[in-house]
Amino acid sequence: KDSFWGSLVLFRSVIGFQYGAMDVLMVTISETLPGNSTLNLAFLYLSLGFGSFLGPVAGGRSPTLKQSQLNGIFGMILNFTGIAFMGVTNTLVDKLWVVCLFNIMRASGGKICGVNGRIILNRLAEDHMMGRVMALDYI
């Protein structure tokens, strides 16, 4: 039998990495881009919000645990690709719109991981423990 707990922990780690480090790095990126750093940061957070909306909508439904696991892996790949290219484009291209595109990719991937991680958790938790498990997930 497949164990989905490992993928659940991996998806949660991706979410922790994304929001733990990237919020600080977005401030630094906005200051290194040409132009008004406050406006740059506003556009970076706007692209973060757009990616957070777009990711789960485009990620689709996951009728099975295996599909949720595959969708989460796809989201993880999107997330890390977006993070890597955000740094590269910030250094080499120095264009705000390009960094925002990769920020959308990063946020979409992170939210796909988050949604599919919750789906896996919801399906693995026993009925009498569901409320407690979901409460711990939000801590």
N, C-alpha and C. Protein backbone atom coordinates (compact mmCIF):
# COMPACT_ATOMS: atom_id res chain seq x y z
N LYS A 1 0.84 -1.18 0.00
CA LYS A 1 0.00 0.00 0.00
C LYS A 1 0.89 1.25 0.00
N ASP A 2 0.50 2.24 -0.80
CA ASP A 2 1.26 3.48 -0.85
C ASP A 2 1.06 4.29 0.43
N SER A 3 2.14 4.91 0.88
CA SER A 3 2.05 5.80 2.02
C SER A 3 2.09 7.24 1.52
N PHE A 4 1.11 8.01 1.89
CA PHE A 4 1.02 9.39 1.42
C PHE A 4 1.47 10.38 2.48
N TRP A 5 1.90 9.88 3.65
CA TRP A 5 2.34 10.78 4.70
C TRP A 5 3.63 11.50 4.33
N GLY A 6 4.52 10.82 3.61
CA GLY A 6 5.77 11.46 3.19
C GLY A 6 5.52 12.63 2.27
N SER A 7 4.63 12.46 1.30
CA SER A 7 4.33 13.56 0.39
C SER A 7 3.63 14.70 1.13
N LEU A 8 2.82 14.37 2.12
CA LEU A 8 2.16 15.41 2.91
C LEU A 8 3.18 16.26 3.65
N VAL A 9 4.15 15.62 4.28
CA VAL A 9 5.20 16.35 4.99
C VAL A 9 6.03 17.18 4.02
N LEU A 10 6.33 16.62 2.85
CA LEU A 10 7.10 17.35 1.84
C LEU A 10 6.35 18.59 1.36
N PHE A 11 5.06 18.45 1.11
CA PHE A 11 4.27 19.60 0.65
C PHE A 11 4.21 20.68 1.71
N ARG A 12 4.08 20.29 2.97
CA ARG A 12 4.06 21.27 4.05
C ARG A 12 5.41 21.96 4.21
N SER A 13 6.49 21.27 3.96
CA SER A 13 7.81 21.87 4.02
C SER A 13 7.99 22.92 2.93
N VAL A 14 7.46 22.63 1.76
CA VAL A 14 7.52 23.59 0.65
C VAL A 14 6.79 24.87 1.04
N ILE A 15 5.62 24.72 1.64
CA ILE A 15 4.85 25.89 2.06
C ILE A 15 5.63 26.70 3.10
N GLY A 16 6.24 26.02 4.05
CA GLY A 16 7.02 26.72 5.06
C GLY A 16 8.20 27.46 4.47
N PHE A 17 8.87 26.85 3.50
CA PHE A 17 10.00 27.51 2.85
C PHE A 17 9.52 28.70 2.05
N GLN A 18 8.43 28.53 1.35
CA GLN A 18 7.94 29.60 0.48
C GLN A 18 7.59 30.85 1.28
N TYR A 19 6.87 30.67 2.37
CA TYR A 19 6.42 31.85 3.10
C TYR A 19 7.40 32.30 4.16
N GLY A 20 8.30 31.44 4.56
CA GLY A 20 9.26 31.85 5.56
C GLY A 20 10.35 32.75 5.00
N ALA A 21 10.86 32.39 3.86
CA ALA A 21 11.99 33.13 3.31
C ALA A 21 11.60 34.13 2.23
N MET A 22 10.61 33.80 1.44
CA MET A 22 10.34 34.62 0.26
C MET A 22 9.74 35.98 0.58
N ASP A 23 9.01 36.12 1.67
CA ASP A 23 8.48 37.44 2.01
C ASP A 23 9.61 38.42 2.30
N VAL A 24 10.65 37.94 2.96
CA VAL A 24 11.81 38.80 3.23
C VAL A 24 12.56 39.08 1.93
N LEU A 25 12.71 38.06 1.09
CA LEU A 25 13.43 38.25 -0.16
C LEU A 25 12.69 39.16 -1.14
N MET A 26 11.36 39.19 -1.07
CA MET A 26 10.63 40.07 -1.98
C MET A 26 10.91 41.53 -1.66
N VAL A 27 11.09 41.87 -0.41
CA VAL A 27 11.46 43.24 -0.05
C VAL A 27 12.83 43.57 -0.63
N THR A 28 13.77 42.65 -0.50
CA THR A 28 15.11 42.87 -1.05
C THR A 28 15.07 42.99 -2.57
N ILE A 29 14.30 42.12 -3.21
CA ILE A 29 14.18 42.18 -4.68
C ILE A 29 13.57 43.51 -5.11
N SER A 30 12.56 43.99 -4.40
CA SER A 30 11.92 45.26 -4.78
C SER A 30 12.89 46.43 -4.66
N GLU A 31 13.83 46.35 -3.74
CA GLU A 31 14.79 47.43 -3.57
C GLU A 31 15.90 47.38 -4.62
N THR A 32 16.19 46.20 -5.17
CA THR A 32 17.26 46.11 -6.16
C THR A 32 16.76 46.40 -7.58
N LEU A 33 15.46 46.33 -7.80
CA LEU A 33 14.93 46.62 -9.13
C LEU A 33 14.92 48.13 -9.35
N PRO A 34 15.06 48.57 -10.60
CA PRO A 34 15.02 50.01 -10.86
C PRO A 34 13.63 50.58 -10.63
N GLY A 35 13.57 51.82 -10.22
CA GLY A 35 12.29 52.48 -9.99
C GLY A 35 11.98 52.60 -8.51
N ASN A 36 10.73 52.93 -8.24
CA ASN A 36 10.25 53.12 -6.87
C ASN A 36 10.13 51.77 -6.17
N SER A 37 10.86 51.59 -5.08
CA SER A 37 10.86 50.28 -4.40
C SER A 37 9.51 49.96 -3.77
N THR A 38 8.77 50.97 -3.34
CA THR A 38 7.44 50.73 -2.77
C THR A 38 6.47 50.23 -3.84
N LEU A 39 6.52 50.84 -5.01
CA LEU A 39 5.67 50.40 -6.12
C LEU A 39 6.09 49.02 -6.62
N ASN A 40 7.39 48.77 -6.65
CA ASN A 40 7.88 47.44 -7.03
C ASN A 40 7.36 46.36 -6.08
N LEU A 41 7.41 46.66 -4.78
CA LEU A 41 6.92 45.70 -3.79
C LEU A 41 5.41 45.49 -3.93
N ALA A 42 4.69 46.56 -4.24
CA ALA A 42 3.24 46.42 -4.45
C ALA A 42 2.95 45.50 -5.63
N PHE A 43 3.69 45.64 -6.71
CA PHE A 43 3.49 44.76 -7.87
C PHE A 43 3.90 43.32 -7.57
N LEU A 44 4.94 43.15 -6.77
CA LEU A 44 5.33 41.79 -6.39
C LEU A 44 4.25 41.12 -5.54
N TYR A 45 3.67 41.86 -4.61
CA TYR A 45 2.59 41.28 -3.81
C TYR A 45 1.31 41.10 -4.62
N LEU A 46 1.08 41.97 -5.60
CA LEU A 46 -0.06 41.78 -6.50
C LEU A 46 0.10 40.49 -7.30
N SER A 47 1.30 40.25 -7.80
CA SER A 47 1.54 39.01 -8.55
C SER A 47 1.47 37.80 -7.63
N LEU A 48 1.85 37.95 -6.36
CA LEU A 48 1.71 36.87 -5.39
C LEU A 48 0.23 36.51 -5.20
N GLY A 49 -0.61 37.52 -5.07
CA GLY A 49 -2.04 37.27 -4.91
C GLY A 49 -2.66 36.65 -6.15
N PHE A 50 -2.23 37.11 -7.32
CA PHE A 50 -2.77 36.54 -8.56
C PHE A 50 -2.36 35.08 -8.71
N GLY A 51 -1.12 34.77 -8.39
CA GLY A 51 -0.66 33.38 -8.45
C GLY A 51 -1.34 32.50 -7.42
N SER A 52 -1.63 33.06 -6.25
CA SER A 52 -2.32 32.30 -5.21
C SER A 52 -3.75 31.97 -5.62
N PHE A 53 -4.35 32.83 -6.43
CA PHE A 53 -5.69 32.54 -6.95
C PHE A 53 -5.62 31.57 -8.13
N LEU A 54 -4.67 31.80 -9.00
CA LEU A 54 -4.57 31.03 -10.25
C LEU A 54 -4.17 29.58 -10.01
N GLY A 55 -3.27 29.33 -9.07
CA GLY A 55 -2.76 27.99 -8.84
C GLY A 55 -3.81 26.94 -8.52
N PRO A 56 -4.60 27.15 -7.46
CA PRO A 56 -5.62 26.14 -7.15
C PRO A 56 -6.70 26.01 -8.22
N VAL A 57 -7.02 27.12 -8.89
CA VAL A 57 -8.03 27.04 -9.95
C VAL A 57 -7.50 26.23 -11.13
N ALA A 58 -6.27 26.48 -11.52
CA ALA A 58 -5.67 25.75 -12.65
C ALA A 58 -5.25 24.34 -12.26
N GLY A 59 -4.99 24.11 -10.97
CA GLY A 59 -4.56 22.79 -10.51
C GLY A 59 -5.62 21.73 -10.65
N GLY A 60 -6.87 22.13 -10.69
CA GLY A 60 -7.95 21.19 -10.90
C GLY A 60 -8.29 20.36 -9.68
N ARG A 61 -9.27 19.51 -9.86
CA ARG A 61 -9.70 18.63 -8.78
C ARG A 61 -8.83 17.39 -8.72
N SER A 62 -8.75 16.83 -7.54
CA SER A 62 -7.96 15.62 -7.33
C SER A 62 -8.87 14.54 -6.77
N PRO A 63 -9.46 13.69 -7.62
CA PRO A 63 -10.41 12.70 -7.12
C PRO A 63 -9.78 11.57 -6.31
N THR A 64 -8.50 11.30 -6.50
CA THR A 64 -7.86 10.21 -5.77
C THR A 64 -6.64 10.74 -5.02
N LEU A 65 -6.17 9.95 -4.06
CA LEU A 65 -4.97 10.32 -3.32
C LEU A 65 -3.75 10.37 -4.24
N LYS A 66 -3.66 9.44 -5.17
CA LYS A 66 -2.52 9.42 -6.09
C LYS A 66 -2.51 10.68 -6.95
N GLN A 67 -3.69 11.11 -7.43
CA GLN A 67 -3.76 12.33 -8.24
C GLN A 67 -3.39 13.55 -7.40
N SER A 68 -3.81 13.57 -6.14
CA SER A 68 -3.43 14.67 -5.25
C SER A 68 -1.92 14.71 -5.06
N GLN A 69 -1.32 13.54 -4.94
CA GLN A 69 0.13 13.46 -4.78
C GLN A 69 0.83 13.97 -6.04
N LEU A 70 0.36 13.58 -7.20
CA LEU A 70 0.98 14.04 -8.46
C LEU A 70 0.79 15.54 -8.66
N ASN A 71 -0.40 16.05 -8.34
CA ASN A 71 -0.63 17.49 -8.45
C ASN A 71 0.27 18.26 -7.50
N GLY A 72 0.46 17.75 -6.29
CA GLY A 72 1.34 18.40 -5.34
C GLY A 72 2.80 18.41 -5.79
N ILE A 73 3.23 17.33 -6.41
CA ILE A 73 4.60 17.28 -6.94
C ILE A 73 4.76 18.29 -8.08
N PHE A 74 3.74 18.39 -8.94
CA PHE A 74 3.77 19.40 -10.00
C PHE A 74 3.84 20.81 -9.40
N GLY A 75 3.05 21.05 -8.35
CA GLY A 75 3.10 22.35 -7.69
C GLY A 75 4.45 22.64 -7.06
N MET A 76 5.06 21.62 -6.51
CA MET A 76 6.38 21.79 -5.90
C MET A 76 7.42 22.15 -6.97
N ILE A 77 7.34 21.51 -8.12
CA ILE A 77 8.26 21.83 -9.22
C ILE A 77 8.04 23.27 -9.69
N LEU A 78 6.78 23.67 -9.83
CA LEU A 78 6.47 25.06 -10.21
C LEU A 78 7.03 26.03 -9.19
N ASN A 79 6.85 25.71 -7.92
CA ASN A 79 7.30 26.59 -6.85
C ASN A 79 8.80 26.80 -6.89
N PHE A 80 9.56 25.72 -6.92
CA PHE A 80 11.02 25.86 -6.90
C PHE A 80 11.57 26.46 -8.20
N THR A 81 10.92 26.17 -9.32
CA THR A 81 11.34 26.79 -10.59
C THR A 81 11.11 28.29 -10.53
N GLY A 82 9.96 28.69 -10.02
CA GLY A 82 9.66 30.11 -9.89
C GLY A 82 10.63 30.83 -8.97
N ILE A 83 10.95 30.19 -7.85
CA ILE A 83 11.91 30.80 -6.91
C ILE A 83 13.29 30.95 -7.57
N ALA A 84 13.73 29.91 -8.25
CA ALA A 84 15.06 29.95 -8.88
C ALA A 84 15.12 31.03 -9.96
N PHE A 85 14.10 31.08 -10.80
CA PHE A 85 14.12 32.06 -11.88
C PHE A 85 13.86 33.48 -11.40
N MET A 86 13.18 33.63 -10.26
CA MET A 86 13.03 34.98 -9.70
C MET A 86 14.40 35.56 -9.35
N GLY A 87 15.24 34.74 -8.73
CA GLY A 87 16.58 35.22 -8.39
C GLY A 87 17.45 35.48 -9.61
N VAL A 88 17.37 34.58 -10.59
CA VAL A 88 18.19 34.73 -11.80
C VAL A 88 17.76 35.96 -12.59
N THR A 89 16.44 36.14 -12.78
CA THR A 89 15.98 37.29 -13.57
C THR A 89 16.20 38.60 -12.83
N ASN A 90 16.14 38.56 -11.51
CA ASN A 90 16.42 39.77 -10.77
C ASN A 90 17.86 40.21 -10.96
N THR A 91 18.75 39.24 -11.07
CA THR A 91 20.17 39.55 -11.23
C THR A 91 20.51 39.90 -12.68
N LEU A 92 20.01 39.13 -13.62
CA LEU A 92 20.43 39.27 -15.02
C LEU A 92 19.55 40.22 -15.83
N VAL A 93 18.24 40.10 -15.73
CA VAL A 93 17.34 40.86 -16.60
C VAL A 93 16.99 42.21 -15.99
N ASP A 94 16.75 42.23 -14.70
CA ASP A 94 16.45 43.47 -13.98
C ASP A 94 15.17 44.14 -14.47
N LYS A 95 14.16 43.34 -14.80
CA LYS A 95 12.86 43.86 -15.23
C LYS A 95 11.79 43.40 -14.24
N LEU A 96 10.97 44.32 -13.79
CA LEU A 96 9.94 44.00 -12.81
C LEU A 96 8.92 43.01 -13.34
N TRP A 97 8.48 43.19 -14.56
CA TRP A 97 7.42 42.32 -15.09
C TRP A 97 7.87 40.87 -15.22
N VAL A 98 9.15 40.65 -15.51
CA VAL A 98 9.67 39.28 -15.60
C VAL A 98 9.72 38.64 -14.22
N VAL A 99 10.16 39.39 -13.23
CA VAL A 99 10.20 38.88 -11.86
C VAL A 99 8.77 38.59 -11.37
N CYS A 100 7.82 39.43 -11.75
CA CYS A 100 6.42 39.21 -11.37
C CYS A 100 5.86 37.94 -12.01
N LEU A 101 6.24 37.64 -13.24
CA LEU A 101 5.78 36.41 -13.89
C LEU A 101 6.27 35.17 -13.13
N PHE A 102 7.53 35.20 -12.73
CA PHE A 102 8.05 34.06 -11.97
C PHE A 102 7.49 34.03 -10.54
N ASN A 103 7.11 35.18 -10.02
CA ASN A 103 6.46 35.22 -8.72
C ASN A 103 5.07 34.58 -8.81
N ILE A 104 4.36 34.82 -9.91
CA ILE A 104 3.07 34.15 -10.14
C ILE A 104 3.27 32.64 -10.20
N MET A 105 4.32 32.20 -10.89
CA MET A 105 4.62 30.77 -10.98
C MET A 105 4.90 30.19 -9.60
N ARG A 106 5.69 30.90 -8.82
CA ARG A 106 6.05 30.44 -7.48
C ARG A 106 4.82 30.34 -6.58
N ALA A 107 3.99 31.36 -6.60
CA ALA A 107 2.81 31.36 -5.74
C ALA A 107 1.80 30.29 -6.18
N SER A 108 1.65 30.11 -7.48
CA SER A 108 0.74 29.07 -7.99
C SER A 108 1.19 27.69 -7.52
N GLY A 109 2.47 27.42 -7.65
CA GLY A 109 2.99 26.13 -7.22
C GLY A 109 2.83 25.90 -5.73
N GLY A 110 3.07 26.94 -4.95
CA GLY A 110 2.91 26.80 -3.50
C GLY A 110 1.48 26.54 -3.09
N LYS A 111 0.56 27.21 -3.74
CA LYS A 111 -0.85 26.99 -3.40
C LYS A 111 -1.35 25.64 -3.89
N ILE A 112 -0.84 25.16 -5.01
CA ILE A 112 -1.20 23.81 -5.46
C ILE A 112 -0.71 22.79 -4.44
N CYS A 113 0.50 22.98 -3.91
CA CYS A 113 1.01 22.10 -2.85
C CYS A 113 0.13 22.18 -1.61
N GLY A 114 -0.26 23.38 -1.24
CA GLY A 114 -1.06 23.55 -0.04
C GLY A 114 -2.43 22.90 -0.15
N VAL A 115 -3.10 23.11 -1.28
CA VAL A 115 -4.44 22.55 -1.46
C VAL A 115 -4.38 21.03 -1.51
N ASN A 116 -3.43 20.49 -2.25
CA ASN A 116 -3.35 19.03 -2.36
C ASN A 116 -2.85 18.39 -1.08
N GLY A 117 -2.03 19.10 -0.32
CA GLY A 117 -1.62 18.60 0.99
C GLY A 117 -2.81 18.50 1.93
N ARG A 118 -3.70 19.49 1.88
CA ARG A 118 -4.90 19.44 2.73
C ARG A 118 -5.86 18.35 2.26
N ILE A 119 -5.93 18.12 0.96
CA ILE A 119 -6.78 17.03 0.46
C ILE A 119 -6.26 15.69 0.97
N ILE A 120 -4.94 15.50 0.90
CA ILE A 120 -4.36 14.24 1.39
C ILE A 120 -4.62 14.09 2.88
N LEU A 121 -4.42 15.16 3.63
CA LEU A 121 -4.65 15.11 5.08
C LEU A 121 -6.11 14.82 5.39
N ASN A 122 -7.00 15.43 4.65
CA ASN A 122 -8.43 15.22 4.86
C ASN A 122 -8.83 13.77 4.61
N ARG A 123 -8.24 13.16 3.62
CA ARG A 123 -8.60 11.78 3.28
C ARG A 123 -7.92 10.75 4.18
N LEU A 124 -6.78 11.10 4.76
CA LEU A 124 -6.06 10.15 5.61
C LEU A 124 -6.53 10.17 7.06
N ALA A 125 -7.07 11.31 7.50
CA ALA A 125 -7.48 11.43 8.89
C ALA A 125 -8.77 10.64 9.12
N GLU A 126 -8.85 10.01 10.27
CA GLU A 126 -10.06 9.28 10.63
C GLU A 126 -11.17 10.27 10.98
N ASP A 127 -12.40 9.84 10.83
CA ASP A 127 -13.54 10.73 11.01
C ASP A 127 -13.60 11.34 12.41
N HIS A 128 -13.35 10.56 13.43
CA HIS A 128 -13.45 11.09 14.79
C HIS A 128 -12.29 12.01 15.16
N MET A 129 -11.23 12.04 14.34
CA MET A 129 -10.07 12.90 14.60
C MET A 129 -10.00 14.10 13.65
N MET A 130 -10.94 14.21 12.72
CA MET A 130 -10.85 15.20 11.65
C MET A 130 -10.70 16.63 12.16
N GLY A 131 -11.53 17.04 13.10
CA GLY A 131 -11.48 18.41 13.60
C GLY A 131 -10.15 18.73 14.26
N ARG A 132 -9.63 17.80 15.05
CA ARG A 132 -8.35 18.01 15.73
C ARG A 132 -7.19 18.07 14.75
N VAL A 133 -7.23 17.19 13.76
CA VAL A 133 -6.15 17.15 12.76
C VAL A 133 -6.13 18.44 11.94
N MET A 134 -7.31 18.87 11.50
CA MET A 134 -7.36 20.09 10.69
C MET A 134 -6.99 21.33 11.52
N ALA A 135 -7.33 21.33 12.80
CA ALA A 135 -6.93 22.45 13.68
C ALA A 135 -5.42 22.50 13.81
N LEU A 136 -4.78 21.36 13.96
CA LEU A 136 -3.31 21.33 14.05
C LEU A 136 -2.67 21.75 12.75
N ASP A 137 -3.32 21.47 11.63
CA ASP A 137 -2.77 21.85 10.33
C ASP A 137 -2.71 23.36 10.17
N TYR A 138 -3.62 24.08 10.79
CA TYR A 138 -3.66 25.53 10.65
C TYR A 138 -2.80 26.28 11.66
N ILE A 139 -2.19 25.54 12.57
CA ILE A 139 -1.34 26.20 13.57
C ILE A 139 -0.01 26.58 12.95
